[in-house]
Amino acid sequence: MQDTLEQPVSWRQGVTRYQWMVLLVAWLGWVFDSMDATIYTLVLRPALNDLLSAQAGGPVSQETILWHGGVIFSISSSAGPWVESCLAWWPTASAALGR
């Protein structure tokens, strides 16, 4: 009886070049989507503080800022890219028109 040890085959040997490319593209899509959400989260509070303070003529409570941020976030996440593009251009257009 001969004792032969078989080397385990790595799971990577069965993956084709095309499958690696699909994995890379899917990963990049996820990265850019999460980056978009992270940037939105980082600028939400300062931007709403400035916008609401200018409108109210004074300091605004954190509860008011968080409430408005929740409304904007829920609308943009449920309606998709169309609403996100409107939310991005609204402050720019307001600044350009001096409103």
PDB file of N, CA and C in Angstrom:
ATOM      1  N   MET A   1       0.837  -1.177   0.000  1.00  0.00           N
ATOM      2  CA  MET A   1       0.000   0.000   0.000  1.00  0.00           C
ATOM      3  C   MET A   1       0.889   1.250   0.000  1.00  0.00           C
ATOM      4  N   GLN A   2       0.573   2.121  -0.919  1.00  0.00           N
ATOM      5  CA  GLN A   2       1.390   3.322  -1.070  1.00  0.00           C
ATOM      6  C   GLN A   2       0.697   4.480  -0.375  1.00  0.00           C
ATOM      7  N   ASP A   3       1.430   5.239   0.398  1.00  0.00           N
ATOM      8  CA  ASP A   3       0.886   6.397   1.123  1.00  0.00           C
ATOM      9  C   ASP A   3       1.112   7.660   0.295  1.00  0.00           C
ATOM     10  N   THR A   4       0.055   8.194  -0.306  1.00  0.00           N
ATOM     11  CA  THR A   4       0.187   9.445  -1.061  1.00  0.00           C
ATOM     12  C   THR A   4      -0.686  10.489  -0.415  1.00  0.00           C
ATOM     13  N   LEU A   5      -0.097  11.630  -0.245  1.00  0.00           N
ATOM     14  CA  LEU A   5      -0.848  12.762   0.307  1.00  0.00           C
ATOM     15  C   LEU A   5      -1.198  13.698  -0.838  1.00  0.00           C
ATOM     16  N   GLU A   6      -2.477  13.965  -0.988  1.00  0.00           N
ATOM     17  CA  GLU A   6      -2.905  14.885  -2.028  1.00  0.00           C
ATOM     18  C   GLU A   6      -2.863  16.310  -1.495  1.00  0.00           C
ATOM     19  N   GLN A   7      -2.331  17.180  -2.313  1.00  0.00           N
ATOM     20  CA  GLN A   7      -2.284  18.585  -1.938  1.00  0.00           C
ATOM     21  C   GLN A   7      -3.682  19.176  -2.092  1.00  0.00           C
ATOM     22  N   PRO A   8      -4.138  19.933  -1.095  1.00  0.00           N
ATOM     23  CA  PRO A   8      -5.452  20.559  -1.235  1.00  0.00           C
ATOM     24  C   PRO A   8      -5.440  21.608  -2.348  1.00  0.00           C
ATOM     25  N   VAL A   9      -6.516  21.637  -3.098  1.00  0.00           N
ATOM     26  CA  VAL A   9      -6.630  22.587  -4.200  1.00  0.00           C
ATOM     27  C   VAL A   9      -7.226  23.876  -3.651  1.00  0.00           C
ATOM     28  N   SER A  10      -6.594  24.990  -3.986  1.00  0.00           N
ATOM     29  CA  SER A  10      -7.074  26.285  -3.529  1.00  0.00           C
ATOM     30  C   SER A  10      -8.349  26.653  -4.275  1.00  0.00           C
ATOM     31  N   TRP A  11      -9.228  27.349  -3.600  1.00  0.00           N
ATOM     32  CA  TRP A  11     -10.481  27.766  -4.235  1.00  0.00           C
ATOM     33  C   TRP A  11     -10.220  28.779  -5.346  1.00  0.00           C
ATOM     34  N   ARG A  12      -9.098  29.477  -5.276  1.00  0.00           N
ATOM     35  CA  ARG A  12      -8.779  30.495  -6.273  1.00  0.00           C
ATOM     36  C   ARG A  12      -8.407  29.911  -7.627  1.00  0.00           C
ATOM     37  N   GLN A  13      -8.011  28.660  -7.669  1.00  0.00           N
ATOM     38  CA  GLN A  13      -7.618  28.053  -8.938  1.00  0.00           C
ATOM     39  C   GLN A  13      -8.810  27.816  -9.858  1.00  0.00           C
ATOM     40  N   GLY A  14     -10.011  27.740  -9.307  1.00  0.00           N
ATOM     41  CA  GLY A  14     -11.185  27.501 -10.124  1.00  0.00           C
ATOM     42  C   GLY A  14     -11.872  28.765 -10.598  1.00  0.00           C
ATOM     43  N   VAL A  15     -11.362  29.925 -10.208  1.00  0.00           N
ATOM     44  CA  VAL A  15     -11.987  31.201 -10.572  1.00  0.00           C
ATOM     45  C   VAL A  15     -11.334  31.732 -11.843  1.00  0.00           C
ATOM     46  N   THR A  16     -12.182  32.071 -12.823  1.00  0.00           N
ATOM     47  CA  THR A  16     -11.654  32.562 -14.097  1.00  0.00           C
ATOM     48  C   THR A  16     -11.315  34.043 -14.010  1.00  0.00           C
ATOM     49  N   ARG A  17     -10.621  34.547 -15.015  1.00  0.00           N
ATOM     50  CA  ARG A  17     -10.248  35.960 -15.083  1.00  0.00           C
ATOM     51  C   ARG A  17     -11.500  36.840 -15.160  1.00  0.00           C
ATOM     52  N   TYR A  18     -12.491  36.408 -15.918  1.00  0.00           N
ATOM     53  CA  TYR A  18     -13.744  37.155 -16.050  1.00  0.00           C
ATOM     54  C   TYR A  18     -14.460  37.257 -14.696  1.00  0.00           C
ATOM     55  N   GLN A  19     -14.466  36.180 -13.927  1.00  0.00           N
ATOM     56  CA  GLN A  19     -15.103  36.196 -12.610  1.00  0.00           C
ATOM     57  C   GLN A  19     -14.380  37.143 -11.657  1.00  0.00           C
ATOM     58  N   TRP A  20     -13.056  37.217 -11.741  1.00  0.00           N
ATOM     59  CA  TRP A  20     -12.309  38.181 -10.935  1.00  0.00           C
ATOM     60  C   TRP A  20     -12.687  39.604 -11.318  1.00  0.00           C
ATOM     61  N   MET A  21     -12.870  39.854 -12.630  1.00  0.00           N
ATOM     62  CA  MET A  21     -13.235  41.187 -13.108  1.00  0.00           C
ATOM     63  C   MET A  21     -14.632  41.568 -12.600  1.00  0.00           C
ATOM     64  N   VAL A  22     -15.561  40.620 -12.639  1.00  0.00           N
ATOM     65  CA  VAL A  22     -16.912  40.895 -12.139  1.00  0.00           C
ATOM     66  C   VAL A  22     -16.873  41.198 -10.640  1.00  0.00           C
ATOM     67  N   LEU A  23     -16.082  40.457  -9.895  1.00  0.00           N
ATOM     68  CA  LEU A  23     -15.939  40.716  -8.464  1.00  0.00           C
ATOM     69  C   LEU A  23     -15.362  42.106  -8.218  1.00  0.00           C
ATOM     70  N   LEU A  24     -14.368  42.493  -8.979  1.00  0.00           N
ATOM     71  CA  LEU A  24     -13.757  43.811  -8.827  1.00  0.00           C
ATOM     72  C   LEU A  24     -14.759  44.923  -9.133  1.00  0.00           C
ATOM     73  N   VAL A  25     -15.515  44.783 -10.211  1.00  0.00           N
ATOM     74  CA  VAL A  25     -16.487  45.807 -10.588  1.00  0.00           C
ATOM     75  C   VAL A  25     -17.591  45.917  -9.531  1.00  0.00           C
ATOM     76  N   ALA A  26     -18.074  44.789  -9.034  1.00  0.00           N
ATOM     77  CA  ALA A  26     -19.099  44.815  -7.986  1.00  0.00           C
ATOM     78  C   ALA A  26     -18.560  45.455  -6.714  1.00  0.00           C
ATOM     79  N   TRP A  27     -17.320  45.146  -6.368  1.00  0.00           N
ATOM     80  CA  TRP A  27     -16.711  45.736  -5.176  1.00  0.00           C
ATOM     81  C   TRP A  27     -16.557  47.245  -5.331  1.00  0.00           C
ATOM     82  N   LEU A  28     -16.125  47.701  -6.511  1.00  0.00           N
ATOM     83  CA  LEU A  28     -15.992  49.138  -6.743  1.00  0.00           C
ATOM     84  C   LEU A  28     -17.340  49.849  -6.662  1.00  0.00           C
ATOM     85  N   GLY A  29     -18.389  49.220  -7.181  1.00  0.00           N
ATOM     86  CA  GLY A  29     -19.730  49.796  -7.064  1.00  0.00           C
ATOM     87  C   GLY A  29     -20.132  49.957  -5.611  1.00  0.00           C
ATOM     88  N   TRP A  30     -19.854  48.957  -4.808  1.00  0.00           N
ATOM     89  CA  TRP A  30     -20.182  49.027  -3.384  1.00  0.00           C
ATOM     90  C   TRP A  30     -19.369  50.124  -2.696  1.00  0.00           C
ATOM     91  N   VAL A  31     -18.089  50.219  -3.033  1.00  0.00           N
ATOM     92  CA  VAL A  31     -17.221  51.225  -2.418  1.00  0.00           C
ATOM     93  C   VAL A  31     -17.720  52.637  -2.723  1.00  0.00           C
ATOM     94  N   PHE A  32     -18.043  52.904  -3.989  1.00  0.00           N
ATOM     95  CA  PHE A  32     -18.485  54.250  -4.352  1.00  0.00           C
ATOM     96  C   PHE A  32     -19.858  54.568  -3.774  1.00  0.00           C
ATOM     97  N   ASP A  33     -20.728  53.564  -3.654  1.00  0.00           N
ATOM     98  CA  ASP A  33     -22.039  53.792  -3.052  1.00  0.00           C
ATOM     99  C   ASP A  33     -21.897  54.108  -1.570  1.00  0.00           C
ATOM    100  N   SER A  34     -21.051  53.382  -0.876  1.00  0.00           N
ATOM    101  CA  SER A  34     -20.873  53.649   0.553  1.00  0.00           C
ATOM    102  C   SER A  34     -20.136  54.970   0.777  1.00  0.00           C
ATOM    103  N   MET A  35     -19.252  55.341  -0.138  1.00  0.00           N
ATOM    104  CA  MET A  35     -18.564  56.620  -0.023  1.00  0.00           C
ATOM    105  C   MET A  35     -19.568  57.768  -0.144  1.00  0.00           C
ATOM    106  N   ASP A  36     -20.511  57.634  -1.063  1.00  0.00           N
ATOM    107  CA  ASP A  36     -21.545  58.644  -1.257  1.00  0.00           C
ATOM    108  C   ASP A  36     -22.362  58.827   0.021  1.00  0.00           C
ATOM    109  N   ALA A  37     -22.784  57.725   0.619  1.00  0.00           N
ATOM    110  CA  ALA A  37     -23.569  57.798   1.851  1.00  0.00           C
ATOM    111  C   ALA A  37     -22.743  58.369   3.004  1.00  0.00           C
ATOM    112  N   THR A  38     -21.467  58.044   3.059  1.00  0.00           N
ATOM    113  CA  THR A  38     -20.613  58.545   4.129  1.00  0.00           C
ATOM    114  C   THR A  38     -20.394  60.052   4.009  1.00  0.00           C
ATOM    115  N   ILE A  39     -20.154  60.525   2.800  1.00  0.00           N
ATOM    116  CA  ILE A  39     -19.976  61.968   2.600  1.00  0.00           C
ATOM    117  C   ILE A  39     -21.253  62.706   2.967  1.00  0.00           C
ATOM    118  N   TYR A  40     -22.392  62.152   2.559  1.00  0.00           N
ATOM    119  CA  TYR A  40     -23.677  62.773   2.890  1.00  0.00           C
ATOM    120  C   TYR A  40     -23.841  62.876   4.409  1.00  0.00           C
ATOM    121  N   THR A  41     -23.506  61.812   5.111  1.00  0.00           N
ATOM    122  CA  THR A  41     -23.635  61.805   6.571  1.00  0.00           C
ATOM    123  C   THR A  41     -22.695  62.813   7.226  1.00  0.00           C
ATOM    124  N   LEU A  42     -21.494  62.972   6.681  1.00  0.00           N
ATOM    125  CA  LEU A  42     -20.524  63.888   7.267  1.00  0.00           C
ATOM    126  C   LEU A  42     -20.920  65.357   7.106  1.00  0.00           C
ATOM    127  N   VAL A  43     -21.531  65.719   5.996  1.00  0.00           N
ATOM    128  CA  VAL A  43     -21.854  67.120   5.749  1.00  0.00           C
ATOM    129  C   VAL A  43     -23.289  67.486   6.123  1.00  0.00           C
ATOM    130  N   LEU A  44     -24.089  66.513   6.517  1.00  0.00           N
ATOM    131  CA  LEU A  44     -25.503  66.772   6.798  1.00  0.00           C
ATOM    132  C   LEU A  44     -25.700  67.783   7.926  1.00  0.00           C
ATOM    133  N   ARG A  45     -25.092  67.542   9.054  1.00  0.00           N
ATOM    134  CA  ARG A  45     -25.312  68.411  10.218  1.00  0.00           C
ATOM    135  C   ARG A  45     -24.800  69.837  10.003  1.00  0.00           C
ATOM    136  N   PRO A  46     -23.557  70.040   9.543  1.00  0.00           N
ATOM    137  CA  PRO A  46     -23.119  71.427   9.330  1.00  0.00           C
ATOM    138  C   PRO A  46     -23.932  72.157   8.265  1.00  0.00           C
ATOM    139  N   ALA A  47     -24.294  71.456   7.197  1.00  0.00           N
ATOM    140  CA  ALA A  47     -25.052  72.116   6.131  1.00  0.00           C
ATOM    141  C   ALA A  47     -26.448  72.514   6.613  1.00  0.00           C
ATOM    142  N   LEU A  48     -27.135  71.609   7.297  1.00  0.00           N
ATOM    143  CA  LEU A  48     -28.463  71.949   7.806  1.00  0.00           C
ATOM    144  C   LEU A  48     -28.392  73.010   8.890  1.00  0.00           C
ATOM    145  N   ASN A  49     -27.357  72.997   9.695  1.00  0.00           N
ATOM    146  CA  ASN A  49     -27.205  74.034  10.714  1.00  0.00           C
ATOM    147  C   ASN A  49     -27.109  75.409  10.060  1.00  0.00           C
ATOM    148  N   ASP A  50     -26.295  75.521   9.008  1.00  0.00           N
ATOM    149  CA  ASP A  50     -26.168  76.803   8.308  1.00  0.00           C
ATOM    150  C   ASP A  50     -27.469  77.210   7.629  1.00  0.00           C
ATOM    151  N   LEU A  51     -28.109  76.270   6.938  1.00  0.00           N
ATOM    152  CA  LEU A  51     -29.341  76.586   6.216  1.00  0.00           C
ATOM    153  C   LEU A  51     -30.479  76.964   7.161  1.00  0.00           C
ATOM    154  N   LEU A  52     -30.663  76.178   8.215  1.00  0.00           N
ATOM    155  CA  LEU A  52     -31.775  76.447   9.132  1.00  0.00           C
ATOM    156  C   LEU A  52     -31.518  77.666  10.001  1.00  0.00           C
ATOM    157  N   SER A  53     -30.261  77.922  10.357  1.00  0.00           N
ATOM    158  CA  SER A  53     -29.944  79.113  11.149  1.00  0.00           C
ATOM    159  C   SER A  53     -30.198  80.381  10.341  1.00  0.00           C
ATOM    160  N   ALA A  54     -29.856  80.358   9.079  1.00  0.00           N
ATOM    161  CA  ALA A  54     -30.097  81.522   8.225  1.00  0.00           C
ATOM    162  C   ALA A  54     -31.586  81.769   8.063  1.00  0.00           C
ATOM    163  N   GLN A  55     -32.352  80.701   7.956  1.00  0.00           N
ATOM    164  CA  GLN A  55     -33.793  80.845   7.785  1.00  0.00           C
ATOM    165  C   GLN A  55     -34.465  81.306   9.073  1.00  0.00           C
ATOM    166  N   ALA A  56     -34.038  80.764  10.218  1.00  0.00           N
ATOM    167  CA  ALA A  56     -34.660  81.095  11.496  1.00  0.00           C
ATOM    168  C   ALA A  56     -34.133  82.410  12.065  1.00  0.00           C
ATOM    169  N   GLY A  57     -32.989  82.847  11.615  1.00  0.00           N
ATOM    170  CA  GLY A  57     -32.415  84.078  12.113  1.00  0.00           C
ATOM    171  C   GLY A  57     -31.699  83.921  13.441  1.00  0.00           C
ATOM    172  N   GLY A  58     -31.362  82.706  13.801  1.00  0.00           N
ATOM    173  CA  GLY A  58     -30.661  82.466  15.058  1.00  0.00           C
ATOM    174  C   GLY A  58     -30.297  81.003  15.189  1.00  0.00           C
ATOM    175  N   PRO A  59     -29.843  80.619  16.377  1.00  0.00           N
ATOM    176  CA  PRO A  59     -29.434  79.222  16.571  1.00  0.00           C
ATOM    177  C   PRO A  59     -30.631  78.263  16.456  1.00  0.00           C
ATOM    178  N   VAL A  60     -30.326  77.064  16.000  1.00  0.00           N
ATOM    179  CA  VAL A  60     -31.344  76.028  15.816  1.00  0.00           C
ATOM    180  C   VAL A  60     -30.972  74.845  16.696  1.00  0.00           C
ATOM    181  N   SER A  61     -31.968  74.202  17.289  1.00  0.00           N
ATOM    182  CA  SER A  61     -31.700  73.056  18.170  1.00  0.00           C
ATOM    183  C   SER A  61     -31.239  71.848  17.355  1.00  0.00           C
ATOM    184  N   GLN A  62     -30.496  70.985  18.012  1.00  0.00           N
ATOM    185  CA  GLN A  62     -30.008  69.772  17.355  1.00  0.00           C
ATOM    186  C   GLN A  62     -31.161  68.854  16.962  1.00  0.00           C
ATOM    187  N   GLU A  63     -32.242  68.853  17.736  1.00  0.00           N
ATOM    188  CA  GLU A  63     -33.403  68.027  17.405  1.00  0.00           C
ATOM    189  C   GLU A  63     -34.012  68.460  16.076  1.00  0.00           C
ATOM    190  N   THR A  64     -34.066  69.766  15.847  1.00  0.00           N
ATOM    191  CA  THR A  64     -34.604  70.273  14.581  1.00  0.00           C
ATOM    192  C   THR A  64     -33.706  69.870  13.421  1.00  0.00           C
ATOM    193  N   ILE A  65     -32.405  69.979  13.608  1.00  0.00           N
ATOM    194  CA  ILE A  65     -31.463  69.597  12.558  1.00  0.00           C
ATOM    195  C   ILE A  65     -31.589  68.106  12.256  1.00  0.00           C
ATOM    196  N   LEU A  66     -31.649  67.283  13.301  1.00  0.00           N
ATOM    197  CA  LEU A  66     -31.756  65.841  13.095  1.00  0.00           C
ATOM    198  C   LEU A  66     -33.086  65.462  12.456  1.00  0.00           C
ATOM    199  N   TRP A  67     -34.160  66.162  12.804  1.00  0.00           N
ATOM    200  CA  TRP A  67     -35.464  65.861  12.210  1.00  0.00           C
ATOM    201  C   TRP A  67     -35.445  66.162  10.711  1.00  0.00           C
ATOM    202  N   HIS A  68     -34.951  67.334  10.349  1.00  0.00           N
ATOM    203  CA  HIS A  68     -34.879  67.682   8.932  1.00  0.00           C
ATOM    204  C   HIS A  68     -33.927  66.740   8.183  1.00  0.00           C
ATOM    205  N   GLY A  69     -32.825  66.393   8.802  1.00  0.00           N
ATOM    206  CA  GLY A  69     -31.895  65.455   8.173  1.00  0.00           C
ATOM    207  C   GLY A  69     -32.517  64.093   7.948  1.00  0.00           C
ATOM    208  N   GLY A  70     -33.310  63.631   8.896  1.00  0.00           N
ATOM    209  CA  GLY A  70     -34.000  62.353   8.735  1.00  0.00           C
ATOM    210  C   GLY A  70     -35.004  62.384   7.599  1.00  0.00           C
ATOM    211  N   VAL A  71     -35.714  63.495   7.481  1.00  0.00           N
ATOM    212  CA  VAL A  71     -36.682  63.630   6.384  1.00  0.00           C
ATOM    213  C   VAL A  71     -35.960  63.615   5.040  1.00  0.00           C
ATOM    214  N   ILE A  72     -34.891  64.396   4.926  1.00  0.00           N
ATOM    215  CA  ILE A  72     -34.144  64.453   3.666  1.00  0.00           C
ATOM    216  C   ILE A  72     -33.530  63.089   3.336  1.00  0.00           C
ATOM    217  N   PHE A  73     -32.966  62.433   4.341  1.00  0.00           N
ATOM    218  CA  PHE A  73     -32.331  61.137   4.098  1.00  0.00           C
ATOM    219  C   PHE A  73     -33.352  60.086   3.693  1.00  0.00           C
ATOM    220  N   SER A  74     -34.527  60.087   4.325  1.00  0.00           N
ATOM    221  CA  SER A  74     -35.538  59.088   3.970  1.00  0.00           C
ATOM    222  C   SER A  74     -36.084  59.327   2.573  1.00  0.00           C
ATOM    223  N   ILE A  75     -36.239  60.583   2.181  1.00  0.00           N
ATOM    224  CA  ILE A  75     -36.715  60.875   0.823  1.00  0.00           C
ATOM    225  C   ILE A  75     -35.662  60.475  -0.203  1.00  0.00           C
ATOM    226  N   SER A  76     -34.417  60.829   0.054  1.00  0.00           N
ATOM    227  CA  SER A  76     -33.375  60.533  -0.930  1.00  0.00           C
ATOM    228  C   SER A  76     -33.101  59.037  -1.032  1.00  0.00           C
ATOM    229  N   SER A  77     -33.224  58.291   0.053  1.00  0.00           N
ATOM    230  CA  SER A  77     -32.941  56.863  -0.029  1.00  0.00           C
ATOM    231  C   SER A  77     -34.088  56.088  -0.658  1.00  0.00           C
ATOM    232  N   SER A  78     -35.319  56.585  -0.541  1.00  0.00           N
ATOM    233  CA  SER A  78     -36.438  55.847  -1.120  1.00  0.00           C
ATOM    234  C   SER A  78     -36.711  56.231  -2.563  1.00  0.00           C
ATOM    235  N   ALA A  79     -36.401  57.457  -2.952  1.00  0.00           N
ATOM    236  CA  ALA A  79     -36.717  57.906  -4.308  1.00  0.00           C
ATOM    237  C   ALA A  79     -35.561  57.734  -5.271  1.00  0.00           C
ATOM    238  N   GLY A  80     -34.378  57.516  -4.776  1.00  0.00           N
ATOM    239  CA  GLY A  80     -33.260  57.203  -5.647  1.00  0.00           C
ATOM    240  C   GLY A  80     -32.465  58.398  -6.130  1.00  0.00           C
ATOM    241  N   PRO A  81     -31.720  58.186  -7.210  1.00  0.00           N
ATOM    242  CA  PRO A  81     -30.772  59.194  -7.687  1.00  0.00           C
ATOM    243  C   PRO A  81     -31.419  60.494  -8.148  1.00  0.00           C
ATOM    244  N   TRP A  82     -32.649  60.450  -8.612  1.00  0.00           N
ATOM    245  CA  TRP A  82     -33.291  61.667  -9.097  1.00  0.00           C
ATOM    246  C   TRP A  82     -33.404  62.696  -7.976  1.00  0.00           C
ATOM    247  N   VAL A  83     -33.879  62.259  -6.811  1.00  0.00           N
ATOM    248  CA  VAL A  83     -34.032  63.173  -5.678  1.00  0.00           C
ATOM    249  C   VAL A  83     -32.669  63.611  -5.164  1.00  0.00           C
ATOM    250  N   GLU A  84     -31.694  62.702  -5.152  1.00  0.00           N
ATOM    251  CA  GLU A  84     -30.360  63.078  -4.701  1.00  0.00           C
ATOM    252  C   GLU A  84     -29.773  64.162  -5.587  1.00  0.00           C
ATOM    253  N   SER A  85     -30.005  64.083  -6.890  1.00  0.00           N
ATOM    254  CA  SER A  85     -29.484  65.125  -7.766  1.00  0.00           C
ATOM    255  C   SER A  85     -30.203  66.449  -7.526  1.00  0.00           C
ATOM    256  N   CYS A  86     -31.501  66.406  -7.229  1.00  0.00           N
ATOM    257  CA  CYS A  86     -32.235  67.639  -6.903  1.00  0.00           C
ATOM    258  C   CYS A  86     -31.713  68.235  -5.604  1.00  0.00           C
ATOM    259  N   LEU A  87     -31.442  67.385  -4.616  1.00  0.00           N
ATOM    260  CA  LEU A  87     -30.934  67.879  -3.337  1.00  0.00           C
ATOM    261  C   LEU A  87     -29.539  68.471  -3.492  1.00  0.00           C
ATOM    262  N   ALA A  88     -28.775  67.965  -4.447  1.00  0.00           N
ATOM    263  CA  ALA A  88     -27.431  68.501  -4.661  1.00  0.00           C
ATOM    264  C   ALA A  88     -27.471  69.841  -5.383  1.00  0.00           C
ATOM    265  N   TRP A  89     -28.402  70.029  -6.317  1.00  0.00           N
ATOM    266  CA  TRP A  89     -28.445  71.247  -7.106  1.00  0.00           C
ATOM    267  C   TRP A  89     -29.247  72.356  -6.457  1.00  0.00           C
ATOM    268  N   TRP A  90     -30.125  72.039  -5.529  1.00  0.00           N
ATOM    269  CA  TRP A  90     -30.960  73.062  -4.898  1.00  0.00           C
ATOM    270  C   TRP A  90     -30.134  74.132  -4.185  1.00  0.00           C
ATOM    271  N   PRO A  91     -29.170  73.774  -3.308  1.00  0.00           N
ATOM    272  CA  PRO A  91     -28.387  74.830  -2.654  1.00  0.00           C
ATOM    273  C   PRO A  91     -27.529  75.622  -3.647  1.00  0.00           C
ATOM    274  N   THR A  92     -27.023  74.938  -4.673  1.00  0.00           N
ATOM    275  CA  THR A  92     -26.205  75.618  -5.669  1.00  0.00           C
ATOM    276  C   THR A  92     -27.041  76.661  -6.434  1.00  0.00           C
ATOM    277  N   ALA A  93     -28.237  76.258  -6.834  1.00  0.00           N
ATOM    278  CA  ALA A  93     -29.107  77.182  -7.554  1.00  0.00           C
ATOM    279  C   ALA A  93     -29.537  78.345  -6.653  1.00  0.00           C
ATOM    280  N   SER A  94     -29.809  78.042  -5.391  1.00  0.00           N
ATOM    281  CA  SER A  94     -30.201  79.106  -4.457  1.00  0.00           C
ATOM    282  C   SER A  94     -29.080  80.115  -4.263  1.00  0.00           C
ATOM    283  N   ALA A  95     -27.868  79.632  -4.147  1.00  0.00           N
ATOM    284  CA  ALA A  95     -26.720  80.525  -3.968  1.00  0.00           C
ATOM    285  C   ALA A  95     -26.498  81.374  -5.229  1.00  0.00           C
ATOM    286  N   ALA A  96     -26.660  80.738  -6.387  1.00  0.00           N
ATOM    287  CA  ALA A  96     -26.441  81.464  -7.637  1.00  0.00           C
ATOM    288  C   ALA A  96     -27.498  82.540  -7.857  1.00  0.00           C
ATOM    289  N   LEU A  97     -28.722  82.263  -7.415  1.00  0.00           N
ATOM    290  CA  LEU A  97     -29.802  83.235  -7.590  1.00  0.00           C
ATOM    291  C   LEU A  97     -29.882  84.245  -6.451  1.00  0.00           C
ATOM    292  N   GLY A  98     -29.068  84.038  -5.429  1.00  0.00           N
ATOM    293  CA  GLY A  98     -29.034  84.976  -4.312  1.00  0.00           C
ATOM    294  C   GLY A  98     -30.219  84.853  -3.379  1.00  0.00           C
ATOM    295  N   ARG A  99     -30.743  83.652  -3.270  1.00  0.00           N
ATOM    296  CA  ARG A  99     -31.898  83.435  -2.368  1.00  0.00           C
ATOM    297  C   ARG A  99     -31.487  82.666  -1.148  1.00  0.00           C
TER     298      ARG A  99
END
